[in-house]
């Protein structure tokens, strides 16, 4: 994690982690970060979006399952992945 991105609660997303973006209100896979901005990708693939570190939390087991099912459905129907 680069300087200036530490959170007071100690949570630091790692590449490939699944996180809940509290601002966008959706789950994303961590693709990388620059400073305090994290790049996330949806289960369907496509363009990444940026989120601030303060708005991220680890995805719950239910959110992780939903993400995996959505990914599998996108693959089976020729989605963007």
N, C-alpha and C. Protein backbone atom coordinates (compact mmCIF):
# COMPACT_ATOMS: atom_id res chain seq x y z
N UNK A 1 0.84 -1.17 0.00
CA UNK A 1 0.00 0.00 0.00
C UNK A 1 0.89 1.23 0.00
N UNK A 2 0.59 2.18 -0.84
CA UNK A 2 1.40 3.38 -0.94
C UNK A 2 1.10 4.32 0.21
N UNK A 3 2.07 5.20 0.49
CA UNK A 3 1.89 6.17 1.55
C UNK A 3 0.62 6.98 1.32
N UNK A 4 -0.12 7.22 2.39
CA UNK A 4 -1.33 8.01 2.29
C UNK A 4 -2.59 7.20 2.06
N UNK A 5 -2.48 5.87 1.98
CA UNK A 5 -3.67 5.06 1.72
C UNK A 5 -4.11 4.25 2.93
N UNK A 6 -3.38 4.34 4.04
CA UNK A 6 -3.72 3.54 5.21
C UNK A 6 -5.06 3.99 5.79
N UNK A 7 -5.81 3.03 6.26
CA UNK A 7 -7.10 3.31 6.89
C UNK A 7 -6.94 3.21 8.39
N UNK A 8 -7.78 3.93 9.10
CA UNK A 8 -7.70 3.90 10.56
C UNK A 8 -8.16 2.56 11.13
N UNK A 9 -8.99 1.80 10.41
CA UNK A 9 -9.45 0.51 10.91
C UNK A 9 -8.49 -0.62 10.57
N UNK A 10 -7.42 -0.33 9.85
CA UNK A 10 -6.41 -1.32 9.53
C UNK A 10 -6.68 -2.17 8.30
N UNK A 11 -7.85 -2.02 7.66
CA UNK A 11 -8.16 -2.83 6.49
C UNK A 11 -7.42 -2.31 5.27
N UNK A 12 -6.67 -3.19 4.62
CA UNK A 12 -5.94 -2.86 3.40
C UNK A 12 -6.27 -3.90 2.34
N UNK A 13 -7.08 -3.55 1.35
CA UNK A 13 -7.42 -4.52 0.30
C UNK A 13 -6.17 -4.95 -0.46
N UNK A 14 -6.14 -6.20 -0.86
CA UNK A 14 -5.05 -6.73 -1.68
C UNK A 14 -5.58 -6.99 -3.09
N UNK A 15 -4.67 -7.08 -4.04
CA UNK A 15 -5.04 -7.40 -5.41
C UNK A 15 -5.84 -8.70 -5.40
N UNK A 16 -6.93 -8.75 -6.14
CA UNK A 16 -7.86 -9.88 -6.28
C UNK A 16 -8.84 -10.04 -5.12
N UNK A 17 -8.73 -9.23 -4.06
CA UNK A 17 -9.73 -9.28 -2.99
C UNK A 17 -11.08 -8.85 -3.54
N UNK A 18 -12.13 -9.39 -2.97
CA UNK A 18 -13.48 -8.92 -3.27
C UNK A 18 -13.89 -7.96 -2.16
N UNK A 19 -14.34 -6.78 -2.56
CA UNK A 19 -14.70 -5.75 -1.60
C UNK A 19 -16.07 -5.17 -1.93
N UNK A 20 -16.71 -4.61 -0.92
CA UNK A 20 -17.96 -3.88 -1.11
C UNK A 20 -17.61 -2.40 -1.15
N UNK A 21 -18.02 -1.74 -2.22
CA UNK A 21 -17.85 -0.30 -2.38
C UNK A 21 -19.10 0.35 -1.82
N UNK A 22 -18.97 1.02 -0.68
CA UNK A 22 -20.13 1.59 -0.01
C UNK A 22 -20.71 2.78 -0.76
N UNK A 23 -19.93 3.41 -1.63
CA UNK A 23 -20.42 4.55 -2.40
C UNK A 23 -21.19 4.06 -3.63
N UNK A 24 -20.58 3.16 -4.41
CA UNK A 24 -21.23 2.62 -5.62
C UNK A 24 -22.27 1.56 -5.27
N UNK A 25 -22.21 1.05 -4.05
CA UNK A 25 -23.14 0.02 -3.56
C UNK A 25 -23.10 -1.23 -4.42
N UNK A 26 -21.86 -1.72 -4.65
CA UNK A 26 -21.69 -2.97 -5.39
C UNK A 26 -20.35 -3.60 -5.04
N UNK A 27 -20.25 -4.89 -5.34
CA UNK A 27 -19.04 -5.65 -5.07
C UNK A 27 -18.10 -5.52 -6.26
N UNK A 28 -16.82 -5.41 -5.96
CA UNK A 28 -15.82 -5.36 -7.01
C UNK A 28 -14.59 -6.16 -6.62
N UNK A 29 -13.86 -6.59 -7.62
CA UNK A 29 -12.59 -7.28 -7.42
C UNK A 29 -11.48 -6.24 -7.54
N UNK A 30 -10.59 -6.21 -6.57
CA UNK A 30 -9.50 -5.23 -6.57
C UNK A 30 -8.50 -5.59 -7.67
N UNK A 31 -8.29 -4.64 -8.57
CA UNK A 31 -7.36 -4.83 -9.69
C UNK A 31 -6.05 -4.09 -9.45
N UNK A 32 -6.07 -3.05 -8.62
CA UNK A 32 -4.88 -2.27 -8.34
C UNK A 32 -5.25 -0.98 -7.64
N UNK A 33 -4.25 -0.15 -7.39
CA UNK A 33 -4.53 1.16 -6.79
C UNK A 33 -3.42 2.14 -7.13
N UNK A 34 -3.80 3.40 -7.12
CA UNK A 34 -2.86 4.51 -7.29
C UNK A 34 -3.19 5.50 -6.19
N UNK A 35 -2.27 5.69 -5.27
CA UNK A 35 -2.54 6.58 -4.14
C UNK A 35 -3.71 6.08 -3.33
N UNK A 36 -4.71 6.93 -3.15
CA UNK A 36 -5.87 6.56 -2.33
C UNK A 36 -7.03 6.04 -3.17
N UNK A 37 -6.81 5.85 -4.45
CA UNK A 37 -7.86 5.38 -5.36
C UNK A 37 -7.61 3.93 -5.76
N UNK A 38 -8.61 3.07 -5.51
CA UNK A 38 -8.54 1.65 -5.83
C UNK A 38 -9.33 1.39 -7.09
N UNK A 39 -8.77 0.57 -7.99
CA UNK A 39 -9.47 0.19 -9.21
C UNK A 39 -10.17 -1.14 -8.97
N UNK A 40 -11.47 -1.15 -9.23
CA UNK A 40 -12.31 -2.32 -9.00
C UNK A 40 -12.96 -2.74 -10.30
N UNK A 41 -13.20 -4.04 -10.45
CA UNK A 41 -13.89 -4.57 -11.63
C UNK A 41 -15.09 -5.39 -11.16
N UNK A 42 -16.18 -5.26 -11.88
CA UNK A 42 -17.40 -6.00 -11.53
C UNK A 42 -17.28 -7.46 -11.94
N UNK A 43 -18.21 -8.27 -11.48
CA UNK A 43 -18.22 -9.70 -11.80
C UNK A 43 -18.40 -9.93 -13.29
N UNK A 44 -19.09 -9.02 -13.96
CA UNK A 44 -19.35 -9.17 -15.39
C UNK A 44 -18.15 -8.75 -16.23
N UNK A 45 -17.11 -8.22 -15.59
CA UNK A 45 -15.95 -7.72 -16.33
C UNK A 45 -16.21 -6.30 -16.79
N UNK A 46 -15.64 -5.95 -17.93
CA UNK A 46 -15.85 -4.60 -18.45
C UNK A 46 -14.91 -3.60 -17.80
N UNK A 47 -15.30 -2.33 -17.89
CA UNK A 47 -14.46 -1.25 -17.38
C UNK A 47 -14.38 -1.26 -15.87
N UNK A 48 -13.21 -0.91 -15.38
CA UNK A 48 -13.00 -0.77 -13.95
C UNK A 48 -13.56 0.57 -13.49
N UNK A 49 -13.84 0.66 -12.20
CA UNK A 49 -14.20 1.95 -11.62
C UNK A 49 -13.27 2.20 -10.44
N UNK A 50 -13.17 3.45 -10.04
CA UNK A 50 -12.30 3.83 -8.93
C UNK A 50 -13.13 4.06 -7.68
N UNK A 51 -12.54 3.69 -6.56
CA UNK A 51 -13.18 3.89 -5.27
C UNK A 51 -12.14 4.36 -4.27
N UNK A 52 -12.55 5.21 -3.35
CA UNK A 52 -11.66 5.64 -2.28
C UNK A 52 -11.54 4.56 -1.22
N UNK A 53 -10.37 4.45 -0.62
CA UNK A 53 -10.11 3.42 0.39
C UNK A 53 -11.10 3.48 1.54
N UNK A 54 -11.52 4.69 1.92
CA UNK A 54 -12.43 4.83 3.06
C UNK A 54 -13.81 4.25 2.79
N UNK A 55 -14.16 4.04 1.54
CA UNK A 55 -15.47 3.50 1.19
C UNK A 55 -15.47 2.01 0.92
N UNK A 56 -14.36 1.33 1.22
CA UNK A 56 -14.27 -0.11 0.94
C UNK A 56 -14.29 -0.93 2.22
N UNK A 57 -14.91 -2.09 2.13
CA UNK A 57 -14.86 -3.07 3.22
C UNK A 57 -14.81 -4.45 2.58
N UNK A 58 -14.34 -5.46 3.31
CA UNK A 58 -14.32 -6.81 2.73
C UNK A 58 -15.75 -7.25 2.39
N UNK A 59 -15.89 -7.98 1.30
CA UNK A 59 -17.19 -8.52 0.91
C UNK A 59 -17.59 -9.60 1.91
N UNK A 60 -18.87 -9.67 2.20
CA UNK A 60 -19.40 -10.71 3.09
C UNK A 60 -19.42 -12.04 2.33
N UNK A 61 -19.57 -13.17 3.04
CA UNK A 61 -19.68 -14.45 2.34
C UNK A 61 -20.82 -14.46 1.31
N UNK A 62 -21.94 -13.86 1.64
CA UNK A 62 -23.07 -13.80 0.71
C UNK A 62 -22.72 -12.98 -0.53
N UNK A 63 -22.04 -11.86 -0.35
CA UNK A 63 -21.63 -11.01 -1.47
C UNK A 63 -20.61 -11.73 -2.35
N UNK A 64 -19.71 -12.50 -1.71
CA UNK A 64 -18.71 -13.26 -2.46
C UNK A 64 -19.39 -14.33 -3.31
N UNK A 65 -20.38 -15.01 -2.74
CA UNK A 65 -21.10 -16.04 -3.47
C UNK A 65 -21.85 -15.43 -4.66
N UNK A 66 -22.53 -14.33 -4.44
CA UNK A 66 -23.24 -13.66 -5.52
C UNK A 66 -22.28 -13.24 -6.63
N UNK A 67 -21.12 -12.74 -6.26
CA UNK A 67 -20.11 -12.34 -7.24
C UNK A 67 -19.69 -13.54 -8.09
N UNK A 68 -19.42 -14.67 -7.43
CA UNK A 68 -19.00 -15.88 -8.14
C UNK A 68 -20.07 -16.41 -9.09
N UNK A 69 -21.32 -16.39 -8.65
CA UNK A 69 -22.42 -16.85 -9.50
C UNK A 69 -22.57 -15.92 -10.70
N UNK A 70 -22.48 -14.63 -10.47
CA UNK A 70 -22.59 -13.66 -11.57
C UNK A 70 -21.46 -13.86 -12.57
N UNK A 71 -20.25 -14.12 -12.08
CA UNK A 71 -19.11 -14.40 -12.98
C UNK A 71 -19.36 -15.64 -13.81
N UNK A 72 -19.83 -16.70 -13.17
CA UNK A 72 -20.10 -17.95 -13.88
C UNK A 72 -21.18 -17.75 -14.94
N UNK A 73 -22.22 -17.01 -14.61
CA UNK A 73 -23.28 -16.73 -15.58
C UNK A 73 -22.75 -15.92 -16.76
N UNK A 74 -21.91 -14.94 -16.49
CA UNK A 74 -21.34 -14.12 -17.57
C UNK A 74 -20.48 -14.97 -18.50
N UNK A 75 -19.69 -15.88 -17.92
CA UNK A 75 -18.86 -16.78 -18.74
C UNK A 75 -19.71 -17.69 -19.60
N UNK A 76 -20.78 -18.23 -19.03
CA UNK A 76 -21.60 -19.20 -19.76
C UNK A 76 -22.43 -18.57 -20.86
N UNK A 77 -22.67 -17.28 -20.76
CA UNK A 77 -23.47 -16.61 -21.79
C UNK A 77 -22.64 -15.72 -22.70
N UNK A 78 -21.32 -15.87 -22.62
CA UNK A 78 -20.44 -15.07 -23.48
C UNK A 78 -20.32 -13.63 -23.03
N UNK A 79 -20.40 -13.40 -21.72
CA UNK A 79 -20.29 -12.05 -21.18
C UNK A 79 -18.93 -11.44 -21.42
N UNK A 80 -18.74 -10.24 -20.92
CA UNK A 80 -17.54 -9.45 -21.17
C UNK A 80 -16.26 -10.01 -20.56
N UNK A 81 -16.34 -10.71 -19.47
CA UNK A 81 -15.16 -11.14 -18.74
C UNK A 81 -13.95 -11.11 -19.62
